[in-house]
Amino acid sequence: MTGTKRSSEGLDARRRKLLFRSWHRGMREMDLILGSFADTEIGALTGDEIDQYERLLDIPDTEFLPLITGERAVPPDIDCAVLQKILASRRTMTFRTT
């Protein structure tokens, strides 16, 4: 089951694939964080940002989640504009519990 509220209609194949990958990480917390980010931003990311996002999605959830939650510092080799956008979107994210 996916939580996406965005249709992939109108997206090119690469962005559709990234949207799907964002909502099907394997760890529900990461599905919510990255899926919500992709729902909002995938259509507006530049080509360079799409490249960055693909590299970030290759990071295993168990390594990526502590970076997103602030439990571990972000290594300089993965700190990029898209990661900063993900972190900013997470600060404004609210979850419903009902």
C-alpha atoms as a PDB file:
ATOM      1  CA  MET A   1       0.000   0.000   0.000  1.00  0.00           C
ATOM      2  CA  THR A   2       1.292   3.438  -0.879  1.00  0.00           C
ATOM      3  CA  GLY A   3       0.576   6.705   0.861  1.00  0.00           C
ATOM      4  CA  THR A   4       1.123   8.822  -2.222  1.00  0.00           C
ATOM      5  CA  LYS A   5      -1.344  11.542  -2.965  1.00  0.00           C
ATOM      6  CA  ARG A   6       0.337  12.464  -6.246  1.00  0.00           C
ATOM      7  CA  SER A   7      -0.362  10.897  -9.594  1.00  0.00           C
ATOM      8  CA  SER A   8       2.597   9.936 -11.745  1.00  0.00           C
ATOM      9  CA  GLU A   9       0.684  11.222 -14.759  1.00  0.00           C
ATOM     10  CA  GLY A  10       2.719  13.817 -16.622  1.00  0.00           C
ATOM     11  CA  LEU A  11       6.038  12.663 -15.163  1.00  0.00           C
ATOM     12  CA  ASP A  12       8.796  11.247 -17.322  1.00  0.00           C
ATOM     13  CA  ALA A  13       9.806   7.620 -16.745  1.00  0.00           C
ATOM     14  CA  ARG A  14      12.772   8.512 -14.520  1.00  0.00           C
ATOM     15  CA  ARG A  15      10.660  10.670 -12.190  1.00  0.00           C
ATOM     16  CA  ARG A  16       7.883   8.038 -12.065  1.00  0.00           C
ATOM     17  CA  LYS A  17      10.451   5.456 -11.007  1.00  0.00           C
ATOM     18  CA  LEU A  18      11.842   7.768  -8.304  1.00  0.00           C
ATOM     19  CA  LEU A  19       8.344   8.510  -7.017  1.00  0.00           C
ATOM     20  CA  PHE A  20       7.665   4.780  -6.746  1.00  0.00           C
ATOM     21  CA  ARG A  21      11.030   4.110  -5.048  1.00  0.00           C
ATOM     22  CA  SER A  22      10.359   6.923  -2.574  1.00  0.00           C
ATOM     23  CA  TRP A  23       7.145   5.251  -1.373  1.00  0.00           C
ATOM     24  CA  HIS A  24       8.526   1.679  -1.402  1.00  0.00           C
ATOM     25  CA  ARG A  25      11.683   1.872   0.689  1.00  0.00           C
ATOM     26  CA  GLY A  26      10.987  -1.042   3.002  1.00  0.00           C
ATOM     27  CA  MET A  27      10.970   0.977   6.211  1.00  0.00           C
ATOM     28  CA  ARG A  28       7.660   2.779   6.779  1.00  0.00           C
ATOM     29  CA  GLU A  29       9.313   5.822   8.364  1.00  0.00           C
ATOM     30  CA  MET A  30      11.427   6.340   5.248  1.00  0.00           C
ATOM     31  CA  ASP A  31       8.405   5.732   3.000  1.00  0.00           C
ATOM     32  CA  LEU A  32       6.624   8.592   4.749  1.00  0.00           C
ATOM     33  CA  ILE A  33       9.577  10.971   4.749  1.00  0.00           C
ATOM     34  CA  LEU A  34      10.823  10.371   1.213  1.00  0.00           C
ATOM     35  CA  GLY A  35       7.424   9.638  -0.296  1.00  0.00           C
ATOM     36  CA  SER A  36       5.964  12.867   1.035  1.00  0.00           C
ATOM     37  CA  PHE A  37       9.004  14.762  -0.215  1.00  0.00           C
ATOM     38  CA  ALA A  38       8.713  13.189  -3.662  1.00  0.00           C
ATOM     39  CA  ASP A  39       4.970  13.873  -3.837  1.00  0.00           C
ATOM     40  CA  THR A  40       5.684  17.550  -3.341  1.00  0.00           C
ATOM     41  CA  GLU A  41       8.982  18.059  -5.160  1.00  0.00           C
ATOM     42  CA  ILE A  42       9.581  15.405  -7.842  1.00  0.00           C
ATOM     43  CA  GLY A  43       8.080  17.458 -10.652  1.00  0.00           C
ATOM     44  CA  ALA A  44      10.128  20.556  -9.831  1.00  0.00           C
ATOM     45  CA  LEU A  45      13.579  19.005  -9.320  1.00  0.00           C
ATOM     46  CA  THR A  46      16.207  19.972 -11.886  1.00  0.00           C
ATOM     47  CA  GLY A  47      18.226  17.372 -13.765  1.00  0.00           C
ATOM     48  CA  ASP A  48      21.141  17.766 -11.339  1.00  0.00           C
ATOM     49  CA  GLU A  49      18.782  17.437  -8.391  1.00  0.00           C
ATOM     50  CA  ILE A  50      17.282  14.266  -9.881  1.00  0.00           C
ATOM     51  CA  ASP A  51      20.825  12.841 -10.075  1.00  0.00           C
ATOM     52  CA  GLN A  52      21.381  13.771  -6.421  1.00  0.00           C
ATOM     53  CA  TYR A  53      18.059  12.247  -5.375  1.00  0.00           C
ATOM     54  CA  GLU A  54      18.843   8.974  -7.154  1.00  0.00           C
ATOM     55  CA  ARG A  55      22.149   8.746  -5.273  1.00  0.00           C
ATOM     56  CA  LEU A  56      20.387   9.418  -1.971  1.00  0.00           C
ATOM     57  CA  LEU A  57      17.798   6.704  -2.665  1.00  0.00           C
ATOM     58  CA  ASP A  58      20.645   4.213  -3.073  1.00  0.00           C
ATOM     59  CA  ILE A  59      21.564   4.661   0.603  1.00  0.00           C
ATOM     60  CA  PRO A  60      20.077   1.859   2.747  1.00  0.00           C
ATOM     61  CA  ASP A  61      17.304   2.939   5.115  1.00  0.00           C
ATOM     62  CA  THR A  62      19.262   1.861   8.187  1.00  0.00           C
ATOM     63  CA  GLU A  63      22.033   4.300   7.221  1.00  0.00           C
ATOM     64  CA  PHE A  64      19.816   7.065   5.834  1.00  0.00           C
ATOM     65  CA  LEU A  65      17.202   7.378   8.607  1.00  0.00           C
ATOM     66  CA  PRO A  66      19.700   8.441  11.331  1.00  0.00           C
ATOM     67  CA  LEU A  67      20.949  11.189   8.995  1.00  0.00           C
ATOM     68  CA  ILE A  68      17.418  12.404   8.326  1.00  0.00           C
ATOM     69  CA  THR A  69      16.451  12.383  12.007  1.00  0.00           C
ATOM     70  CA  GLY A  70      19.645  14.102  13.125  1.00  0.00           C
ATOM     71  CA  GLU A  71      20.911  11.126  15.121  1.00  0.00           C
ATOM     72  CA  ARG A  72      24.059  11.115  12.983  1.00  0.00           C
ATOM     73  CA  ALA A  73      25.853  13.962  11.255  1.00  0.00           C
ATOM     74  CA  VAL A  74      25.530  14.128   7.480  1.00  0.00           C
ATOM     75  CA  PRO A  75      28.806  13.101   5.821  1.00  0.00           C
ATOM     76  CA  PRO A  76      30.138  15.793   3.474  1.00  0.00           C
ATOM     77  CA  ASP A  77      30.173  13.397   0.501  1.00  0.00           C
ATOM     78  CA  ILE A  78      26.370  13.112   0.490  1.00  0.00           C
ATOM     79  CA  ASP A  79      25.467  16.612   1.668  1.00  0.00           C
ATOM     80  CA  CYS A  80      23.767  18.207  -1.321  1.00  0.00           C
ATOM     81  CA  ALA A  81      20.943  20.568  -2.254  1.00  0.00           C
ATOM     82  CA  VAL A  82      18.356  17.785  -2.403  1.00  0.00           C
ATOM     83  CA  LEU A  83      19.299  16.407   1.004  1.00  0.00           C
ATOM     84  CA  GLN A  84      18.899  19.906   2.425  1.00  0.00           C
ATOM     85  CA  LYS A  85      15.448  20.104   0.789  1.00  0.00           C
ATOM     86  CA  ILE A  86      14.504  16.746   2.334  1.00  0.00           C
ATOM     87  CA  LEU A  87      15.649  17.927   5.765  1.00  0.00           C
ATOM     88  CA  ALA A  88      13.724  21.185   5.383  1.00  0.00           C
ATOM     89  CA  SER A  89      10.579  19.348   4.280  1.00  0.00           C
ATOM     90  CA  ARG A  90      10.852  17.029   7.261  1.00  0.00           C
ATOM     91  CA  ARG A  91      10.866  19.996   9.653  1.00  0.00           C
ATOM     92  CA  THR A  92       7.527  21.146   8.263  1.00  0.00           C
ATOM     93  CA  MET A  93       5.970  17.667   8.001  1.00  0.00           C
ATOM     94  CA  THR A  94       3.073  16.693  10.246  1.00  0.00           C
ATOM     95  CA  PHE A  95       1.579  13.234  10.571  1.00  0.00           C
ATOM     96  CA  ARG A  96      -1.982  12.339  11.383  1.00  0.00           C
ATOM     97  CA  THR A  97      -2.457   9.576  13.903  1.00  0.00           C
ATOM     98  CA  THR A  98      -6.109   8.830  13.133  1.00  0.00           C
END
